[in-house]
Structure formats: structure tokens, C-alpha cells
Amino acid sequence: MSNFVAELRRRNIFRVAGVYAVIGWMLAQVAGLLESSMAAEFGCKNAC
């Protein structure tokens, strides 16, 4: 098991996974912001 973790570290898997997590979080924040602004711009027809 330690060889597996060492190989993941050697290939920078943890760093890449962290970058993907941060980018995914940022995209979710932007999507939420756009959703809120679109609902305010076009009027809230559904439950907001």
C-alpha cells in the first residue's frame, strides 16, 4: 500500500486532484451566481 501512495505522489496525483477540486468549486460558485442573477433579471417564476 505504501508503494501505491508513493507512486501517486511521484505522479503528482494529489496535486492534480486538488486543482480539479478547486476548479470544480469555482465553477459551482459561478454557476450559482449566474443562476441568481438570471432569476433576478427575468423575474422569479419558480420558487426562488
PDB file of N, CA and C in Angstrom:
ATOM      1  N   MET A   1       0.822  -1.197   0.000  1.00  0.00           N
ATOM      2  CA  MET A   1       0.000   0.000   0.000  1.00  0.00           C
ATOM      3  C   MET A   1       0.863   1.257   0.000  1.00  0.00           C
ATOM      4  N   SER A   2       1.975   1.231   0.721  1.00  0.00           N
ATOM      5  CA  SER A   2       2.839   2.411   0.763  1.00  0.00           C
ATOM      6  C   SER A   2       3.494   2.657  -0.592  1.00  0.00           C
ATOM      7  N   ASN A   3       3.754   1.569  -1.353  1.00  0.00           N
ATOM      8  CA  ASN A   3       4.299   1.751  -2.705  1.00  0.00           C
ATOM      9  C   ASN A   3       3.292   2.435  -3.605  1.00  0.00           C
ATOM     10  N   PHE A   4       2.010   2.107  -3.412  1.00  0.00           N
ATOM     11  CA  PHE A   4       0.952   2.722  -4.206  1.00  0.00           C
ATOM     12  C   PHE A   4       0.860   4.225  -3.925  1.00  0.00           C
ATOM     13  N   VAL A   5       0.893   4.591  -2.644  1.00  0.00           N
ATOM     14  CA  VAL A   5       0.829   6.002  -2.259  1.00  0.00           C
ATOM     15  C   VAL A   5       2.068   6.740  -2.749  1.00  0.00           C
ATOM     16  N   ALA A   6       3.217   6.099  -2.674  1.00  0.00           N
ATOM     17  CA  ALA A   6       4.456   6.717  -3.166  1.00  0.00           C
ATOM     18  C   ALA A   6       4.378   6.958  -4.669  1.00  0.00           C
ATOM     19  N   GLU A   7       3.797   6.029  -5.385  1.00  0.00           N
ATOM     20  CA  GLU A   7       3.647   6.200  -6.834  1.00  0.00           C
ATOM     21  C   GLU A   7       2.675   7.337  -7.151  1.00  0.00           C
ATOM     22  N   LEU A   8       1.589   7.451  -6.385  1.00  0.00           N
ATOM     23  CA  LEU A   8       0.652   8.560  -6.581  1.00  0.00           C
ATOM     24  C   LEU A   8       1.335   9.899  -6.324  1.00  0.00           C
ATOM     25  N   ARG A   9       2.152   9.958  -5.286  1.00  0.00           N
ATOM     26  CA  ARG A   9       2.884  11.199  -5.003  1.00  0.00           C
ATOM     27  C   ARG A   9       3.879  11.508  -6.109  1.00  0.00           C
ATOM     28  N   ARG A  10       4.553  10.486  -6.609  1.00  0.00           N
ATOM     29  CA  ARG A  10       5.540  10.698  -7.668  1.00  0.00           C
ATOM     30  C   ARG A  10       4.888  11.254  -8.921  1.00  0.00           C
ATOM     31  N   ARG A  11       3.678  10.827  -9.202  1.00  0.00           N
ATOM     32  CA  ARG A  11       2.973  11.276 -10.402  1.00  0.00           C
ATOM     33  C   ARG A  11       2.127  12.536 -10.165  1.00  0.00           C
ATOM     34  N   ASN A  12       2.240  13.136  -8.976  1.00  0.00           N
ATOM     35  CA  ASN A  12       1.532  14.371  -8.623  1.00  0.00           C
ATOM     36  C   ASN A  12       0.019  14.224  -8.707  1.00  0.00           C
ATOM     37  N   ILE A  13      -0.492  13.050  -8.394  1.00  0.00           N
ATOM     38  CA  ILE A  13      -1.929  12.807  -8.455  1.00  0.00           C
ATOM     39  C   ILE A  13      -2.666  13.662  -7.433  1.00  0.00           C
ATOM     40  N   PHE A  14      -2.090  13.810  -6.234  1.00  0.00           N
ATOM     41  CA  PHE A  14      -2.761  14.583  -5.194  1.00  0.00           C
ATOM     42  C   PHE A  14      -2.867  16.056  -5.580  1.00  0.00           C
ATOM     43  N   ARG A  15      -1.835  16.601  -6.187  1.00  0.00           N
ATOM     44  CA  ARG A  15      -1.865  17.995  -6.618  1.00  0.00           C
ATOM     45  C   ARG A  15      -2.898  18.197  -7.719  1.00  0.00           C
ATOM     46  N   VAL A  16      -2.931  17.298  -8.674  1.00  0.00           N
ATOM     47  CA  VAL A  16      -3.895  17.404  -9.770  1.00  0.00           C
ATOM     48  C   VAL A  16      -5.323  17.268  -9.239  1.00  0.00           C
ATOM     49  N   ALA A  17      -5.533  16.348  -8.309  1.00  0.00           N
ATOM     50  CA  ALA A  17      -6.864  16.190  -7.718  1.00  0.00           C
ATOM     51  C   ALA A  17      -7.271  17.459  -6.972  1.00  0.00           C
ATOM     52  N   GLY A  18      -6.337  18.082  -6.296  1.00  0.00           N
ATOM     53  CA  GLY A  18      -6.624  19.337  -5.603  1.00  0.00           C
ATOM     54  C   GLY A  18      -6.988  20.452  -6.563  1.00  0.00           C
ATOM     55  N   VAL A  19      -6.274  20.528  -7.668  1.00  0.00           N
ATOM     56  CA  VAL A  19      -6.572  21.551  -8.667  1.00  0.00           C
ATOM     57  C   VAL A  19      -7.961  21.321  -9.264  1.00  0.00           C
ATOM     58  N   TYR A  20      -8.295  20.074  -9.576  1.00  0.00           N
ATOM     59  CA  TYR A  20      -9.626  19.763 -10.093  1.00  0.00           C
ATOM     60  C   TYR A  20     -10.705  20.125  -9.075  1.00  0.00           C
ATOM     61  N   ALA A  21     -10.463  19.866  -7.804  1.00  0.00           N
ATOM     62  CA  ALA A  21     -11.444  20.187  -6.765  1.00  0.00           C
ATOM     63  C   ALA A  21     -11.654  21.692  -6.674  1.00  0.00           C
ATOM     64  N   VAL A  22     -10.576  22.463  -6.718  1.00  0.00           N
ATOM     65  CA  VAL A  22     -10.691  23.922  -6.637  1.00  0.00           C
ATOM     66  C   VAL A  22     -11.407  24.475  -7.858  1.00  0.00           C
ATOM     67  N   ILE A  23     -11.077  23.988  -9.033  1.00  0.00           N
ATOM     68  CA  ILE A  23     -11.733  24.466 -10.249  1.00  0.00           C
ATOM     69  C   ILE A  23     -13.208  24.089 -10.241  1.00  0.00           C
ATOM     70  N   GLY A  24     -13.527  22.893  -9.793  1.00  0.00           N
ATOM     71  CA  GLY A  24     -14.928  22.481  -9.691  1.00  0.00           C
ATOM     72  C   GLY A  24     -15.700  23.351  -8.722  1.00  0.00           C
ATOM     73  N   TRP A  25     -15.086  23.690  -7.586  1.00  0.00           N
ATOM     74  CA  TRP A  25     -15.731  24.564  -6.610  1.00  0.00           C
ATOM     75  C   TRP A  25     -15.958  25.947  -7.206  1.00  0.00           C
ATOM     76  N   MET A  26     -14.955  26.465  -7.927  1.00  0.00           N
ATOM     77  CA  MET A  26     -15.096  27.783  -8.547  1.00  0.00           C
ATOM     78  C   MET A  26     -16.209  27.779  -9.587  1.00  0.00           C
ATOM     79  N   LEU A  27     -16.293  26.745 -10.395  1.00  0.00           N
ATOM     80  CA  LEU A  27     -17.358  26.663 -11.398  1.00  0.00           C
ATOM     81  C   LEU A  27     -18.726  26.585 -10.741  1.00  0.00           C
ATOM     82  N   ALA A  28     -18.831  25.875  -9.631  1.00  0.00           N
ATOM     83  CA  ALA A  28     -20.101  25.790  -8.912  1.00  0.00           C
ATOM     84  C   ALA A  28     -20.495  27.158  -8.355  1.00  0.00           C
ATOM     85  N   GLN A  29     -19.521  27.920  -7.870  1.00  0.00           N
ATOM     86  CA  GLN A  29     -19.811  29.256  -7.356  1.00  0.00           C
ATOM     87  C   GLN A  29     -20.276  30.181  -8.471  1.00  0.00           C
ATOM     88  N   VAL A  30     -19.622  30.133  -9.615  1.00  0.00           N
ATOM     89  CA  VAL A  30     -20.006  30.972 -10.756  1.00  0.00           C
ATOM     90  C   VAL A  30     -21.388  30.572 -11.259  1.00  0.00           C
ATOM     91  N   ALA A  31     -21.669  29.278 -11.321  1.00  0.00           N
ATOM     92  CA  ALA A  31     -22.978  28.813 -11.769  1.00  0.00           C
ATOM     93  C   ALA A  31     -24.072  29.289 -10.820  1.00  0.00           C
ATOM     94  N   GLY A  32     -23.827  29.239  -9.528  1.00  0.00           N
ATOM     95  CA  GLY A  32     -24.799  29.729  -8.553  1.00  0.00           C
ATOM     96  C   GLY A  32     -25.022  31.220  -8.682  1.00  0.00           C
ATOM     97  N   LEU A  33     -23.960  31.970  -8.919  1.00  0.00           N
ATOM     98  CA  LEU A  33     -24.071  33.406  -9.100  1.00  0.00           C
ATOM     99  C   LEU A  33     -24.865  33.736 -10.359  1.00  0.00           C
ATOM    100  N   LEU A  34     -24.566  33.039 -11.444  1.00  0.00           N
ATOM    101  CA  LEU A  34     -25.299  33.269 -12.687  1.00  0.00           C
ATOM    102  C   LEU A  34     -26.768  32.888 -12.550  1.00  0.00           C
ATOM    103  N   GLU A  35     -27.035  31.809 -11.842  1.00  0.00           N
ATOM    104  CA  GLU A  35     -28.410  31.390 -11.631  1.00  0.00           C
ATOM    105  C   GLU A  35     -29.183  32.452 -10.860  1.00  0.00           C
ATOM    106  N   SER A  36     -28.563  33.001  -9.834  1.00  0.00           N
ATOM    107  CA  SER A  36     -29.210  34.039  -9.036  1.00  0.00           C
ATOM    108  C   SER A  36     -29.454  35.299  -9.856  1.00  0.00           C
ATOM    109  N   SER A  37     -28.464  35.694 -10.645  1.00  0.00           N
ATOM    110  CA  SER A  37     -28.621  36.920 -11.425  1.00  0.00           C
ATOM    111  C   SER A  37     -29.632  36.741 -12.553  1.00  0.00           C
ATOM    112  N   MET A  38     -29.692  35.562 -13.147  1.00  0.00           N
ATOM    113  CA  MET A  38     -30.667  35.310 -14.194  1.00  0.00           C
ATOM    114  C   MET A  38     -32.088  35.307 -13.619  1.00  0.00           C
ATOM    115  N   ALA A  39     -32.266  34.738 -12.451  1.00  0.00           N
ATOM    116  CA  ALA A  39     -33.586  34.695 -11.807  1.00  0.00           C
ATOM    117  C   ALA A  39     -34.024  36.114 -11.466  1.00  0.00           C
ATOM    118  N   ALA A  40     -33.105  36.951 -11.023  1.00  0.00           N
ATOM    119  CA  ALA A  40     -33.455  38.333 -10.681  1.00  0.00           C
ATOM    120  C   ALA A  40     -33.736  39.131 -11.944  1.00  0.00           C
ATOM    121  N   GLU A  41     -33.017  38.861 -13.011  1.00  0.00           N
ATOM    122  CA  GLU A  41     -33.183  39.634 -14.246  1.00  0.00           C
ATOM    123  C   GLU A  41     -34.491  39.311 -14.946  1.00  0.00           C
ATOM    124  N   PHE A  42     -34.847  38.048 -15.010  1.00  0.00           N
ATOM    125  CA  PHE A  42     -36.038  37.632 -15.745  1.00  0.00           C
ATOM    126  C   PHE A  42     -37.259  37.477 -14.858  1.00  0.00           C
ATOM    127  N   GLY A  43     -37.134  37.785 -13.607  1.00  0.00           N
ATOM    128  CA  GLY A  43     -38.240  37.606 -12.679  1.00  0.00           C
ATOM    129  C   GLY A  43     -38.265  36.180 -12.195  1.00  0.00           C
ATOM    130  N   CYS A  44     -38.631  36.028 -10.981  1.00  0.00           N
ATOM    131  CA  CYS A  44     -38.606  34.700 -10.385  1.00  0.00           C
ATOM    132  C   CYS A  44     -39.954  34.029 -10.604  1.00  0.00           C
ATOM    133  N   LYS A  45     -40.035  33.152 -11.598  1.00  0.00           N
ATOM    134  CA  LYS A  45     -41.283  32.450 -11.911  1.00  0.00           C
ATOM    135  C   LYS A  45     -41.419  31.181 -11.097  1.00  0.00           C
ATOM    136  N   ASN A  46     -40.307  30.589 -10.741  1.00  0.00           N
ATOM    137  CA  ASN A  46     -40.312  29.382  -9.917  1.00  0.00           C
ATOM    138  C   ASN A  46     -40.004  29.766  -8.482  1.00  0.00           C
ATOM    139  N   ALA A  47     -40.057  28.819  -7.594  1.00  0.00           N
ATOM    140  CA  ALA A  47     -39.697  29.105  -6.202  1.00  0.00           C
ATOM    141  C   ALA A  47     -38.223  29.461  -6.131  1.00  0.00           C
ATOM    142  N   CYS A  48     -37.921  30.624  -5.646  1.00  0.00           N
ATOM    143  CA  CYS A  48     -36.530  31.085  -5.558  1.00  0.00           C
ATOM    144  C   CYS A  48     -36.039  31.018  -4.156  1.00  0.00           C
TER     145      CYS A  48
END
